[in-house]
Amino acid sequence: MKLSISAALALTVVVAFTSAAPEAQRRRAPGTSAPGARDERTLTVGGRTRSYLVHDFAGNTAPAPVVIVLHGGGGNAENAVQMTGFDRLAARERFIVVYPNGTGGREGTLRRRAARERDILLTWNAGHCCASAMVNRVDDVRFIEQVIDELVASGRGDATRVYVTGMSNGAMMAHRLGRELSTKIAAIAPVVGATFGDEPAPDAPVAAFIIVGADDQTVPANGGSLKLRGPAGNTSAADRDVAPAMDQATYWARHDGCGQPVRRDTSVSDRTEWASCRGGTSVVFHSVKNNGHAWPGGQPGRQGAAVPTTAFDATEEMWAFFTRHRINAN
């Protein structure tokens, strides 16, 4: 049962993206991309035309790992490219990166309104957050599932090595995808996100690498109401408060059947790890010092947004974690 709207999520990312196109249109057919190919694609889910970018740095090799990167509330796919730096890493390690777009009131007119990009509000339906995606019950789970299925069916994506990360509202969505697509996702890496305390159990264990900012004033470490407003005064409503930050990790440790946690604090982060988990999974929680509501080691989401620390590279760290996990590992 939904609670009354009680908070506004900080919308930290805004850059223009392209307009949606008819269902199944794409610029290059699956299986024919050279390394570094960048495709703009669309598909239809629940009567909505959804858009996403596929940056394939694997080329026509054996099925490659797939990393799905979800922008924050108020952002878009192109912004996630710039903010996270995943293309640089994918080019070096030869994997596929997917940058999907959330939904909002004007996601179908982004190309025509590029000059007004700061008025665009795209969010994900993470269950209790955010904005129109939540209110309209947008089926973002099915959207991402179809993206995964297409890449795997094309022979380009490795079904055992699909990973999901996201920022803020995108991190909340990463948790939801891990729960509801647990048989298709090997690991998740939410960044400055949250859970809400009422999440059901996943069907299968999923490895989790969770990053929060020790100085985050947007998603409170002790739980409670989400803070602040986004660009152009837009807000992203949540229908309940968030749980304490550590609950993200204890949720996965509990359902993955992990052993006792081991804590190791450094000058960069306070790190807690749960090992000996079912299916070869593990859970790691990093509270990154001197970092607020930002992608550590990346770029600020927008002008005036929190500046991330350079002492911790979230993209590199989560990739190292991803490479240790695949579905059905023992």
C-alpha atoms as a PDB file:
ATOM      1  CA  MET A   1       0.000   0.000   0.000  1.00  0.00           C
ATOM      2  CA  LYS A   2       1.461   3.343  -1.034  1.00  0.00           C
ATOM      3  CA  LEU A   3       2.188   6.039   1.488  1.00  0.00           C
ATOM      4  CA  SER A   4       1.706   9.729   0.866  1.00  0.00           C
ATOM      5  CA  ILE A   5       4.399  11.599  -1.032  1.00  0.00           C
ATOM      6  CA  SER A   6       6.911  12.705   1.543  1.00  0.00           C
ATOM      7  CA  ALA A   7      10.157  13.662  -0.127  1.00  0.00           C
ATOM      8  CA  ALA A   8      11.977  14.970  -3.150  1.00  0.00           C
ATOM      9  CA  LEU A   9      15.000  13.282  -4.678  1.00  0.00           C
ATOM     10  CA  ALA A  10      18.025  15.327  -5.712  1.00  0.00           C
ATOM     11  CA  LEU A  11      18.160  15.220  -9.484  1.00  0.00           C
ATOM     12  CA  THR A  12      21.825  15.354 -10.220  1.00  0.00           C
ATOM     13  CA  VAL A  13      22.173  14.668 -13.930  1.00  0.00           C
ATOM     14  CA  VAL A  14      20.840  16.452 -17.005  1.00  0.00           C
ATOM     15  CA  VAL A  15      22.119  16.335 -20.589  1.00  0.00           C
ATOM     16  CA  ALA A  16      20.084  16.053 -23.838  1.00  0.00           C
ATOM     17  CA  PHE A  17      19.500  12.775 -25.641  1.00  0.00           C
ATOM     18  CA  THR A  18      17.930  11.782 -28.953  1.00  0.00           C
ATOM     19  CA  SER A  19      14.260  11.230 -29.701  1.00  0.00           C
ATOM     20  CA  ALA A  20      12.576   7.858 -29.772  1.00  0.00           C
ATOM     21  CA  ALA A  21      12.142   6.065 -33.098  1.00  0.00           C
ATOM     22  CA  PRO A  22       9.727   3.335 -34.283  1.00  0.00           C
ATOM     23  CA  GLU A  23       9.950  -0.066 -32.624  1.00  0.00           C
ATOM     24  CA  ALA A  24      12.994  -2.229 -33.425  1.00  0.00           C
ATOM     25  CA  GLN A  25      14.746   0.471 -35.473  1.00  0.00           C
ATOM     26  CA  ARG A  26      18.494   0.575 -35.063  1.00  0.00           C
ATOM     27  CA  ARG A  27      21.467   1.937 -36.928  1.00  0.00           C
ATOM     28  CA  ARG A  28      23.372  -1.350 -37.065  1.00  0.00           C
ATOM     29  CA  ALA A  29      22.090  -4.903 -36.883  1.00  0.00           C
ATOM     30  CA  PRO A  30      23.117  -7.101 -33.944  1.00  0.00           C
ATOM     31  CA  GLY A  31      26.243  -9.148 -34.466  1.00  0.00           C
ATOM     32  CA  THR A  32      27.787  -6.838 -37.069  1.00  0.00           C
ATOM     33  CA  SER A  33      29.401  -4.160 -34.922  1.00  0.00           C
ATOM     34  CA  ALA A  34      33.092  -3.404 -35.058  1.00  0.00           C
ATOM     35  CA  PRO A  35      34.863  -2.628 -31.779  1.00  0.00           C
ATOM     36  CA  GLY A  36      33.830   0.806 -30.569  1.00  0.00           C
ATOM     37  CA  ALA A  37      30.521   0.824 -32.463  1.00  0.00           C
ATOM     38  CA  ARG A  38      27.924   3.084 -30.870  1.00  0.00           C
ATOM     39  CA  ASP A  39      24.324   2.264 -31.688  1.00  0.00           C
ATOM     40  CA  GLU A  40      21.168   4.171 -30.846  1.00  0.00           C
ATOM     41  CA  ARG A  41      18.254   1.763 -30.416  1.00  0.00           C
ATOM     42  CA  THR A  42      14.604   1.695 -29.485  1.00  0.00           C
ATOM     43  CA  LEU A  43      12.015  -0.877 -28.536  1.00  0.00           C
ATOM     44  CA  THR A  44       8.410  -0.779 -27.380  1.00  0.00           C
ATOM     45  CA  VAL A  45       7.366  -1.823 -23.882  1.00  0.00           C
ATOM     46  CA  GLY A  46       3.795  -1.467 -22.664  1.00  0.00           C
ATOM     47  CA  GLY A  47       2.941   0.874 -25.512  1.00  0.00           C
ATOM     48  CA  ARG A  48       5.922   3.166 -24.792  1.00  0.00           C
ATOM     49  CA  THR A  49       8.813   3.638 -27.167  1.00  0.00           C
ATOM     50  CA  ARG A  50      11.974   3.273 -25.118  1.00  0.00           C
ATOM     51  CA  SER A  51      15.470   4.321 -26.146  1.00  0.00           C
ATOM     52  CA  TYR A  52      18.975   3.230 -25.202  1.00  0.00           C
ATOM     53  CA  LEU A  53      22.583   3.396 -26.378  1.00  0.00           C
ATOM     54  CA  VAL A  54      24.744   0.345 -27.000  1.00  0.00           C
ATOM     55  CA  HIS A  55      28.490   1.020 -27.008  1.00  0.00           C
ATOM     56  CA  ASP A  56      30.111  -2.219 -28.161  1.00  0.00           C
ATOM     57  CA  PHE A  57      33.842  -2.372 -27.534  1.00  0.00           C
ATOM     58  CA  ALA A  58      33.961  -6.176 -27.833  1.00  0.00           C
ATOM     59  CA  GLY A  59      33.372  -6.412 -31.580  1.00  0.00           C
ATOM     60  CA  ASN A  60      32.602  -9.687 -33.311  1.00  0.00           C
ATOM     61  CA  THR A  61      34.281 -11.888 -30.754  1.00  0.00           C
ATOM     62  CA  ALA A  62      32.842 -14.491 -28.407  1.00  0.00           C
ATOM     63  CA  PRO A  63      29.865 -13.314 -26.319  1.00  0.00           C
ATOM     64  CA  ALA A  64      31.082 -10.452 -24.143  1.00  0.00           C
ATOM     65  CA  PRO A  65      30.211  -9.103 -20.706  1.00  0.00           C
ATOM     66  CA  VAL A  66      27.438  -6.479 -20.662  1.00  0.00           C
ATOM     67  CA  VAL A  67      27.343  -3.578 -18.202  1.00  0.00           C
ATOM     68  CA  ILE A  68      24.070  -1.642 -18.011  1.00  0.00           C
ATOM     69  CA  VAL A  69      24.528   1.893 -16.665  1.00  0.00           C
ATOM     70  CA  LEU A  70      21.425   3.701 -15.348  1.00  0.00           C
ATOM     71  CA  HIS A  71      21.485   7.498 -15.123  1.00  0.00           C
ATOM     72  CA  GLY A  72      20.293   9.351 -12.045  1.00  0.00           C
ATOM     73  CA  GLY A  73      16.912  11.019 -11.617  1.00  0.00           C
ATOM     74  CA  GLY A  74      16.735  13.952 -14.024  1.00  0.00           C
ATOM     75  CA  GLY A  75      19.542  12.596 -16.216  1.00  0.00           C
ATOM     76  CA  ASN A  76      19.733  10.609 -19.423  1.00  0.00           C
ATOM     77  CA  ALA A  77      21.891   8.128 -21.291  1.00  0.00           C
ATOM     78  CA  GLU A  78      24.385  10.597 -22.713  1.00  0.00           C
ATOM     79  CA  ASN A  79      24.978  12.067 -19.294  1.00  0.00           C
ATOM     80  CA  ALA A  80      25.718   8.623 -17.861  1.00  0.00           C
ATOM     81  CA  VAL A  81      28.383   8.174 -20.539  1.00  0.00           C
ATOM     82  CA  GLN A  82      30.182  11.324 -19.440  1.00  0.00           C
ATOM     83  CA  MET A  83      29.638  10.966 -15.704  1.00  0.00           C
ATOM     84  CA  THR A  84      30.881   7.401 -15.248  1.00  0.00           C
ATOM     85  CA  GLY A  85      33.719   7.057 -17.768  1.00  0.00           C
ATOM     86  CA  PHE A  86      32.652   3.513 -18.593  1.00  0.00           C
ATOM     87  CA  ASP A  87      33.521   3.845 -22.290  1.00  0.00           C
ATOM     88  CA  ARG A  88      37.197   4.292 -21.469  1.00  0.00           C
ATOM     89  CA  LEU A  89      37.160   1.130 -19.361  1.00  0.00           C
ATOM     90  CA  ALA A  90      35.101  -0.873 -21.882  1.00  0.00           C
ATOM     91  CA  ALA A  91      37.539   0.036 -24.664  1.00  0.00           C
ATOM     92  CA  ARG A  92      40.417  -1.281 -22.577  1.00  0.00           C
ATOM     93  CA  GLU A  93      38.665  -4.427 -21.314  1.00  0.00           C
ATOM     94  CA  ARG A  94      36.588  -5.117 -24.471  1.00  0.00           C
ATOM     95  CA  PHE A  95      33.041  -5.393 -23.189  1.00  0.00           C
ATOM     96  CA  ILE A  96      29.635  -3.905 -24.056  1.00  0.00           C
ATOM     97  CA  VAL A  97      28.161  -0.928 -22.215  1.00  0.00           C
ATOM     98  CA  VAL A  98      24.448  -0.110 -22.409  1.00  0.00           C
ATOM     99  CA  TYR A  99      23.097   3.309 -21.420  1.00  0.00           C
ATOM    100  CA  PRO A 100      19.272   3.271 -21.259  1.00  0.00           C
ATOM    101  CA  ASN A 101      16.981   6.285 -20.913  1.00  0.00           C
ATOM    102  CA  GLY A 102      14.333   6.538 -18.227  1.00  0.00           C
ATOM    103  CA  THR A 103      10.974   8.150 -18.910  1.00  0.00           C
ATOM    104  CA  GLY A 104       9.495  11.570 -18.350  1.00  0.00           C
ATOM    105  CA  GLY A 105       7.057  14.060 -19.746  1.00  0.00           C
ATOM    106  CA  ARG A 106       9.221  14.974 -22.700  1.00  0.00           C
ATOM    107  CA  GLU A 107      11.507  12.018 -23.387  1.00  0.00           C
ATOM    108  CA  GLY A 108      10.086  11.705 -26.931  1.00  0.00           C
ATOM    109  CA  THR A 109      11.130  15.209 -27.949  1.00  0.00           C
ATOM    110  CA  LEU A 110      14.705  15.384 -26.710  1.00  0.00           C
ATOM    111  CA  ARG A 111      16.335  15.885 -30.102  1.00  0.00           C
ATOM    112  CA  ARG A 112      14.098  18.820 -30.981  1.00  0.00           C
ATOM    113  CA  ARG A 113      14.537  20.380 -27.563  1.00  0.00           C
ATOM    114  CA  ALA A 114      18.277  19.959 -27.102  1.00  0.00           C
ATOM    115  CA  ALA A 115      18.637  23.651 -26.335  1.00  0.00           C
ATOM    116  CA  ARG A 116      16.251  23.188 -23.397  1.00  0.00           C
ATOM    117  CA  GLU A 117      17.939  20.102 -22.002  1.00  0.00           C
ATOM    118  CA  ARG A 118      17.841  21.334 -18.413  1.00  0.00           C
ATOM    119  CA  ASP A 119      14.047  21.197 -18.485  1.00  0.00           C
ATOM    120  CA  ILE A 120      14.039  17.449 -19.155  1.00  0.00           C
ATOM    121  CA  LEU A 121      13.195  15.115 -16.288  1.00  0.00           C
ATOM    122  CA  LEU A 122      13.797  11.383 -16.810  1.00  0.00           C
ATOM    123  CA  THR A 123      13.419   8.938 -13.940  1.00  0.00           C
ATOM    124  CA  TRP A 124      13.175   5.221 -13.180  1.00  0.00           C
ATOM    125  CA  ASN A 125      10.344   3.375 -11.483  1.00  0.00           C
ATOM    126  CA  ALA A 126      12.295   1.917  -8.580  1.00  0.00           C
ATOM    127  CA  GLY A 127       9.122   0.914  -6.719  1.00  0.00           C
ATOM    128  CA  HIS A 128       8.859   3.779  -4.236  1.00  0.00           C
ATOM    129  CA  CYS A 129      10.619   6.320  -6.418  1.00  0.00           C
ATOM    130  CA  CYS A 130      10.606   8.390  -8.612  1.00  0.00           C
ATOM    131  CA  ALA A 131       8.327  11.055 -10.143  1.00  0.00           C
ATOM    132  CA  SER A 132       6.225  10.170 -13.190  1.00  0.00           C
ATOM    133  CA  ALA A 133       7.967   6.808 -13.701  1.00  0.00           C
ATOM    134  CA  MET A 134       6.676   5.701 -10.299  1.00  0.00           C
ATOM    135  CA  VAL A 135       3.306   7.449 -10.535  1.00  0.00           C
ATOM    136  CA  ASN A 136       2.596   5.994 -14.001  1.00  0.00           C
ATOM    137  CA  ARG A 137       3.917   2.560 -13.024  1.00  0.00           C
ATOM    138  CA  VAL A 138       6.316   2.464 -15.955  1.00  0.00           C
ATOM    139  CA  ASP A 139       7.556  -1.079 -16.553  1.00  0.00           C
ATOM    140  CA  ASP A 140      11.279  -0.381 -16.428  1.00  0.00           C
ATOM    141  CA  VAL A 141      12.000  -3.955 -15.359  1.00  0.00           C
ATOM    142  CA  ARG A 142      10.536  -5.339 -18.574  1.00  0.00           C
ATOM    143  CA  PHE A 143      12.376  -2.684 -20.586  1.00  0.00           C
ATOM    144  CA  ILE A 144      15.773  -3.691 -19.244  1.00  0.00           C
ATOM    145  CA  GLU A 145      14.900  -7.375 -19.497  1.00  0.00           C
ATOM    146  CA  GLN A 146      14.162  -6.934 -23.210  1.00  0.00           C
ATOM    147  CA  VAL A 147      17.467  -5.113 -23.686  1.00  0.00           C
ATOM    148  CA  ILE A 148      19.297  -8.004 -22.035  1.00  0.00           C
ATOM    149  CA  ASP A 149      17.395 -10.621 -24.029  1.00  0.00           C
ATOM    150  CA  GLU A 150      18.145  -8.897 -27.334  1.00  0.00           C
ATOM    151  CA  LEU A 151      21.868  -8.659 -26.684  1.00  0.00           C
ATOM    152  CA  VAL A 152      22.067 -12.279 -25.569  1.00  0.00           C
ATOM    153  CA  ALA A 153      19.958 -13.525 -28.502  1.00  0.00           C
ATOM    154  CA  SER A 154      22.182 -11.653 -30.958  1.00  0.00           C
ATOM    155  CA  GLY A 155      25.197 -13.595 -29.730  1.00  0.00           C
ATOM    156  CA  ARG A 156      26.958 -10.424 -28.623  1.00  0.00           C
ATOM    157  CA  GLY A 157      26.124 -10.534 -24.911  1.00  0.00           C
ATOM    158  CA  ASP A 158      27.196 -13.288 -22.506  1.00  0.00           C
ATOM    159  CA  ALA A 159      24.117 -14.433 -20.579  1.00  0.00           C
ATOM    160  CA  THR A 160      26.264 -15.347 -17.568  1.00  0.00           C
ATOM    161  CA  ARG A 161      27.992 -11.949 -17.352  1.00  0.00           C
ATOM    162  CA  VAL A 162      25.320  -9.256 -17.286  1.00  0.00           C
ATOM    163  CA  TYR A 163      25.882  -6.500 -14.724  1.00  0.00           C
ATOM    164  CA  VAL A 164      23.876  -3.435 -13.691  1.00  0.00           C
ATOM    165  CA  THR A 165      24.993  -0.221 -12.065  1.00  0.00           C
ATOM    166  CA  GLY A 166      23.289   3.128 -11.560  1.00  0.00           C
ATOM    167  CA  MET A 167      23.461   6.483  -9.840  1.00  0.00           C
ATOM    168  CA  SER A 168      20.951   7.685  -7.212  1.00  0.00           C
ATOM    169  CA  ASN A 169      17.481   6.882  -8.613  1.00  0.00           C
ATOM    170  CA  GLY A 170      19.343   4.652 -11.083  1.00  0.00           C
ATOM    171  CA  ALA A 171      20.973   2.899  -8.116  1.00  0.00           C
ATOM    172  CA  MET A 172      17.539   2.269  -6.609  1.00  0.00           C
ATOM    173  CA  MET A 173      16.517   0.809  -9.972  1.00  0.00           C
ATOM    174  CA  ALA A 174      19.627  -1.393  -9.985  1.00  0.00           C
ATOM    175  CA  HIS A 175      18.459  -2.911  -6.707  1.00  0.00           C
ATOM    176  CA  ARG A 176      15.014  -3.567  -8.180  1.00  0.00           C
ATOM    177  CA  LEU A 177      16.469  -5.163 -11.302  1.00  0.00           C
ATOM    178  CA  GLY A 178      18.703  -7.359  -9.162  1.00  0.00           C
ATOM    179  CA  ARG A 179      15.657  -8.574  -7.250  1.00  0.00           C
ATOM    180  CA  GLU A 180      13.294  -9.088 -10.167  1.00  0.00           C
ATOM    181  CA  LEU A 181      15.796 -10.260 -12.792  1.00  0.00           C
ATOM    182  CA  SER A 182      18.019 -12.243 -10.453  1.00  0.00           C
ATOM    183  CA  THR A 183      18.272 -15.166 -12.884  1.00  0.00           C
ATOM    184  CA  LYS A 184      19.618 -12.854 -15.621  1.00  0.00           C
ATOM    185  CA  ILE A 185      21.897 -10.481 -13.690  1.00  0.00           C
ATOM    186  CA  ALA A 186      25.148 -11.688 -12.141  1.00  0.00           C
ATOM    187  CA  ALA A 187      25.950  -8.592 -10.067  1.00  0.00           C
ATOM    188  CA  ILE A 188      24.773  -5.069  -9.327  1.00  0.00           C
ATOM    189  CA  ALA A 189      26.682  -1.967  -8.225  1.00  0.00           C
ATOM    190  CA  PRO A 190      24.375   0.786  -6.907  1.00  0.00           C
ATOM    191  CA  VAL A 191      26.080   4.171  -6.385  1.00  0.00           C
ATOM    192  CA  VAL A 192      24.670   6.674  -3.825  1.00  0.00           C
ATOM    193  CA  GLY A 193      21.307   4.919  -3.854  1.00  0.00           C
ATOM    194  CA  ALA A 194      19.039   3.350  -1.257  1.00  0.00           C
ATOM    195  CA  THR A 195      16.524   0.666  -0.424  1.00  0.00           C
ATOM    196  CA  PHE A 196      13.215   1.225   1.381  1.00  0.00           C
ATOM    197  CA  GLY A 197      12.978  -1.645   3.841  1.00  0.00           C
ATOM    198  CA  ASP A 198      10.111  -3.624   2.317  1.00  0.00           C
ATOM    199  CA  GLU A 199      11.898  -5.348  -0.569  1.00  0.00           C
ATOM    200  CA  PRO A 200      10.866  -8.961  -1.299  1.00  0.00           C
ATOM    201  CA  ALA A 201      13.455 -11.705  -1.670  1.00  0.00           C
ATOM    202  CA  PRO A 202      15.049 -12.359  -5.081  1.00  0.00           C
ATOM    203  CA  ASP A 203      14.628 -15.745  -6.727  1.00  0.00           C
ATOM    204  CA  ALA A 204      18.392 -16.305  -6.966  1.00  0.00           C
ATOM    205  CA  PRO A 205      21.539 -14.907  -5.331  1.00  0.00           C
ATOM    206  CA  VAL A 206      23.028 -11.764  -6.899  1.00  0.00           C
ATOM    207  CA  ALA A 207      26.426 -10.294  -6.050  1.00  0.00           C
ATOM    208  CA  ALA A 208      26.286  -6.670  -4.883  1.00  0.00           C
ATOM    209  CA  PHE A 209      28.925  -3.932  -4.765  1.00  0.00           C
ATOM    210  CA  ILE A 210      27.396  -0.942  -3.006  1.00  0.00           C
ATOM    211  CA  ILE A 211      28.889   2.548  -2.885  1.00  0.00           C
ATOM    212  CA  VAL A 212      27.634   5.469  -0.816  1.00  0.00           C
ATOM    213  CA  GLY A 213      29.120   8.877  -0.134  1.00  0.00           C
ATOM    214  CA  ALA A 214      30.088   9.504   3.480  1.00  0.00           C
ATOM    215  CA  ASP A 215      29.159  13.168   2.994  1.00  0.00           C
ATOM    216  CA  ASP A 216      25.942  12.568   1.023  1.00  0.00           C
ATOM    217  CA  GLN A 217      23.303  15.125   2.010  1.00  0.00           C
ATOM    218  CA  THR A 218      20.760  13.886  -0.547  1.00  0.00           C
ATOM    219  CA  VAL A 219      20.289  10.245   0.425  1.00  0.00           C
ATOM    220  CA  PRO A 220      20.794  10.279   4.229  1.00  0.00           C
ATOM    221  CA  ALA A 221      23.094   7.610   5.656  1.00  0.00           C
ATOM    222  CA  ASN A 222      20.762   7.052   8.614  1.00  0.00           C
ATOM    223  CA  GLY A 223      17.669   6.822   6.421  1.00  0.00           C
ATOM    224  CA  GLY A 224      14.701   9.144   6.229  1.00  0.00           C
ATOM    225  CA  SER A 225      13.456  11.678   3.720  1.00  0.00           C
ATOM    226  CA  LEU A 226      15.242  12.280   0.455  1.00  0.00           C
ATOM    227  CA  LYS A 227      16.556  15.828   0.151  1.00  0.00           C
ATOM    228  CA  LEU A 228      16.826  18.800  -2.181  1.00  0.00           C
ATOM    229  CA  ARG A 229      15.579  19.753  -5.631  1.00  0.00           C
ATOM    230  CA  GLY A 230      16.977  19.073  -9.042  1.00  0.00           C
ATOM    231  CA  PRO A 231      17.804  21.345 -11.986  1.00  0.00           C
ATOM    232  CA  ALA A 232      15.237  23.882 -13.150  1.00  0.00           C
ATOM    233  CA  GLY A 233      13.386  23.371  -9.855  1.00  0.00           C
ATOM    234  CA  ASN A 234      12.152  19.899 -10.861  1.00  0.00           C
ATOM    235  CA  THR A 235      11.521  17.393  -8.107  1.00  0.00           C
ATOM    236  CA  SER A 236      11.244  13.625  -8.088  1.00  0.00           C
ATOM    237  CA  ALA A 237       8.714  12.316  -5.614  1.00  0.00           C
ATOM    238  CA  ALA A 238       9.143   9.255  -3.421  1.00  0.00           C
ATOM    239  CA  ASP A 239       6.223   7.642  -1.635  1.00  0.00           C
ATOM    240  CA  ARG A 240       8.186   6.627   1.465  1.00  0.00           C
ATOM    241  CA  ASP A 241      11.426   7.338   3.305  1.00  0.00           C
ATOM    242  CA  VAL A 242      14.597   5.412   2.527  1.00  0.00           C
ATOM    243  CA  ALA A 243      16.154   2.858   4.865  1.00  0.00           C
ATOM    244  CA  PRO A 244      19.623   3.394   6.387  1.00  0.00           C
ATOM    245  CA  ALA A 245      22.427   3.061   3.846  1.00  0.00           C
ATOM    246  CA  MET A 246      23.843  -0.157   5.284  1.00  0.00           C
ATOM    247  CA  ASP A 247      20.484  -1.869   4.791  1.00  0.00           C
ATOM    248  CA  GLN A 248      21.318  -2.103   1.085  1.00  0.00           C
ATOM    249  CA  ALA A 249      24.173  -4.452   1.927  1.00  0.00           C
ATOM    250  CA  THR A 250      22.517  -6.438   4.709  1.00  0.00           C
ATOM    251  CA  TYR A 251      19.540  -7.115   2.437  1.00  0.00           C
ATOM    252  CA  TRP A 252      21.755  -8.821  -0.157  1.00  0.00           C
ATOM    253  CA  ALA A 253      23.960 -10.534   2.423  1.00  0.00           C
ATOM    254  CA  ARG A 254      20.887 -12.051   4.039  1.00  0.00           C
ATOM    255  CA  HIS A 255      19.290 -13.277   0.831  1.00  0.00           C
ATOM    256  CA  ASP A 256      22.601 -14.443  -0.648  1.00  0.00           C
ATOM    257  CA  GLY A 257      23.199 -16.555   2.453  1.00  0.00           C
ATOM    258  CA  CYS A 258      26.523 -14.930   3.262  1.00  0.00           C
ATOM    259  CA  GLY A 259      28.808 -15.511   6.205  1.00  0.00           C
ATOM    260  CA  GLN A 260      29.849 -12.946   8.793  1.00  0.00           C
ATOM    261  CA  PRO A 261      31.020  -9.544   7.546  1.00  0.00           C
ATOM    262  CA  VAL A 262      34.606  -8.339   7.690  1.00  0.00           C
ATOM    263  CA  ARG A 263      35.254  -4.612   8.018  1.00  0.00           C
ATOM    264  CA  ARG A 264      38.372  -2.831   6.824  1.00  0.00           C
ATOM    265  CA  ASP A 265      38.666   0.943   7.030  1.00  0.00           C
ATOM    266  CA  THR A 266      41.166   2.948   5.007  1.00  0.00           C
ATOM    267  CA  SER A 267      41.838   6.625   4.404  1.00  0.00           C
ATOM    268  CA  VAL A 268      39.635   6.365   1.295  1.00  0.00           C
ATOM    269  CA  SER A 269      36.626   4.357   2.439  1.00  0.00           C
ATOM    270  CA  ASP A 270      35.052   2.294   5.186  1.00  0.00           C
ATOM    271  CA  ARG A 271      34.647  -1.139   3.596  1.00  0.00           C
ATOM    272  CA  THR A 272      32.521  -4.069   4.768  1.00  0.00           C
ATOM    273  CA  GLU A 273      32.533  -7.383   2.903  1.00  0.00           C
ATOM    274  CA  TRP A 274      30.430 -10.522   3.171  1.00  0.00           C
ATOM    275  CA  ALA A 275      31.945 -13.620   1.561  1.00  0.00           C
ATOM    276  CA  SER A 276      31.108 -17.340   1.410  1.00  0.00           C
ATOM    277  CA  CYS A 277      27.739 -16.548  -0.184  1.00  0.00           C
ATOM    278  CA  ARG A 278      25.510 -18.817  -2.248  1.00  0.00           C
ATOM    279  CA  GLY A 279      26.259 -19.261  -5.929  1.00  0.00           C
ATOM    280  CA  GLY A 280      29.737 -17.808  -5.600  1.00  0.00           C
ATOM    281  CA  THR A 281      28.360 -14.349  -4.844  1.00  0.00           C
ATOM    282  CA  SER A 282      29.684 -11.777  -2.396  1.00  0.00           C
ATOM    283  CA  VAL A 283      28.563  -8.414  -1.036  1.00  0.00           C
ATOM    284  CA  VAL A 284      30.764  -5.345  -0.566  1.00  0.00           C
ATOM    285  CA  PHE A 285      29.737  -2.038   0.988  1.00  0.00           C
ATOM    286  CA  HIS A 286      31.914   1.076   0.585  1.00  0.00           C
ATOM    287  CA  SER A 287      31.230   4.334   2.393  1.00  0.00           C
ATOM    288  CA  VAL A 288      33.541   6.592   0.413  1.00  0.00           C
ATOM    289  CA  LYS A 289      35.123   9.404   2.380  1.00  0.00           C
ATOM    290  CA  ASN A 290      35.079  13.007   1.164  1.00  0.00           C
ATOM    291  CA  ASN A 291      32.344  12.142  -1.328  1.00  0.00           C
ATOM    292  CA  GLY A 292      28.809  13.464  -1.387  1.00  0.00           C
ATOM    293  CA  HIS A 293      25.972  12.667  -3.794  1.00  0.00           C
ATOM    294  CA  ALA A 294      28.314  11.991  -6.697  1.00  0.00           C
ATOM    295  CA  TRP A 295      29.946   9.200  -8.715  1.00  0.00           C
ATOM    296  CA  PRO A 296      33.382   8.721  -7.085  1.00  0.00           C
ATOM    297  CA  GLY A 297      36.181   9.158  -9.594  1.00  0.00           C
ATOM    298  CA  GLY A 298      33.770  10.400 -12.246  1.00  0.00           C
ATOM    299  CA  GLN A 299      32.420  13.767 -13.358  1.00  0.00           C
ATOM    300  CA  PRO A 300      29.831  15.959 -11.617  1.00  0.00           C
ATOM    301  CA  GLY A 301      26.337  15.251 -12.897  1.00  0.00           C
ATOM    302  CA  ARG A 302      25.737  18.893 -13.825  1.00  0.00           C
ATOM    303  CA  GLN A 303      26.943  22.371 -13.093  1.00  0.00           C
ATOM    304  CA  GLY A 304      26.567  23.031  -9.390  1.00  0.00           C
ATOM    305  CA  ALA A 305      26.306  19.341  -8.479  1.00  0.00           C
ATOM    306  CA  ALA A 306      28.535  17.688  -5.895  1.00  0.00           C
ATOM    307  CA  VAL A 307      32.137  17.255  -7.009  1.00  0.00           C
ATOM    308  CA  PRO A 308      33.196  13.599  -6.648  1.00  0.00           C
ATOM    309  CA  THR A 309      36.350  12.531  -4.891  1.00  0.00           C
ATOM    310  CA  THR A 310      39.257  11.464  -7.091  1.00  0.00           C
ATOM    311  CA  ALA A 311      40.670   9.126  -4.436  1.00  0.00           C
ATOM    312  CA  PHE A 312      38.216   6.301  -5.246  1.00  0.00           C
ATOM    313  CA  ASP A 313      37.378   5.224  -8.802  1.00  0.00           C
ATOM    314  CA  ALA A 314      33.910   3.669  -8.625  1.00  0.00           C
ATOM    315  CA  THR A 315      33.975   2.515 -12.247  1.00  0.00           C
ATOM    316  CA  GLU A 316      37.285   0.678 -11.929  1.00  0.00           C
ATOM    317  CA  GLU A 317      36.397  -0.793  -8.541  1.00  0.00           C
ATOM    318  CA  MET A 318      33.029  -2.169  -9.586  1.00  0.00           C
ATOM    319  CA  TRP A 319      34.451  -3.632 -12.795  1.00  0.00           C
ATOM    320  CA  ALA A 320      37.065  -5.524 -10.773  1.00  0.00           C
ATOM    321  CA  PHE A 321      34.180  -6.849  -8.658  1.00  0.00           C
ATOM    322  CA  PHE A 322      32.083  -7.752 -11.712  1.00  0.00           C
ATOM    323  CA  THR A 323      34.893  -9.804 -13.243  1.00  0.00           C
ATOM    324  CA  ARG A 324      34.831 -12.095 -10.216  1.00  0.00           C
ATOM    325  CA  HIS A 325      31.163 -12.989 -10.654  1.00  0.00           C
ATOM    326  CA  ARG A 326      28.993 -14.717 -13.172  1.00  0.00           C
ATOM    327  CA  ILE A 327      25.689 -16.533 -13.014  1.00  0.00           C
ATOM    328  CA  ASN A 328      25.938 -20.150 -11.805  1.00  0.00           C
ATOM    329  CA  ALA A 329      29.494 -19.657 -10.563  1.00  0.00           C
ATOM    330  CA  ASN A 330      30.584 -22.075  -7.853  1.00  0.00           C
END
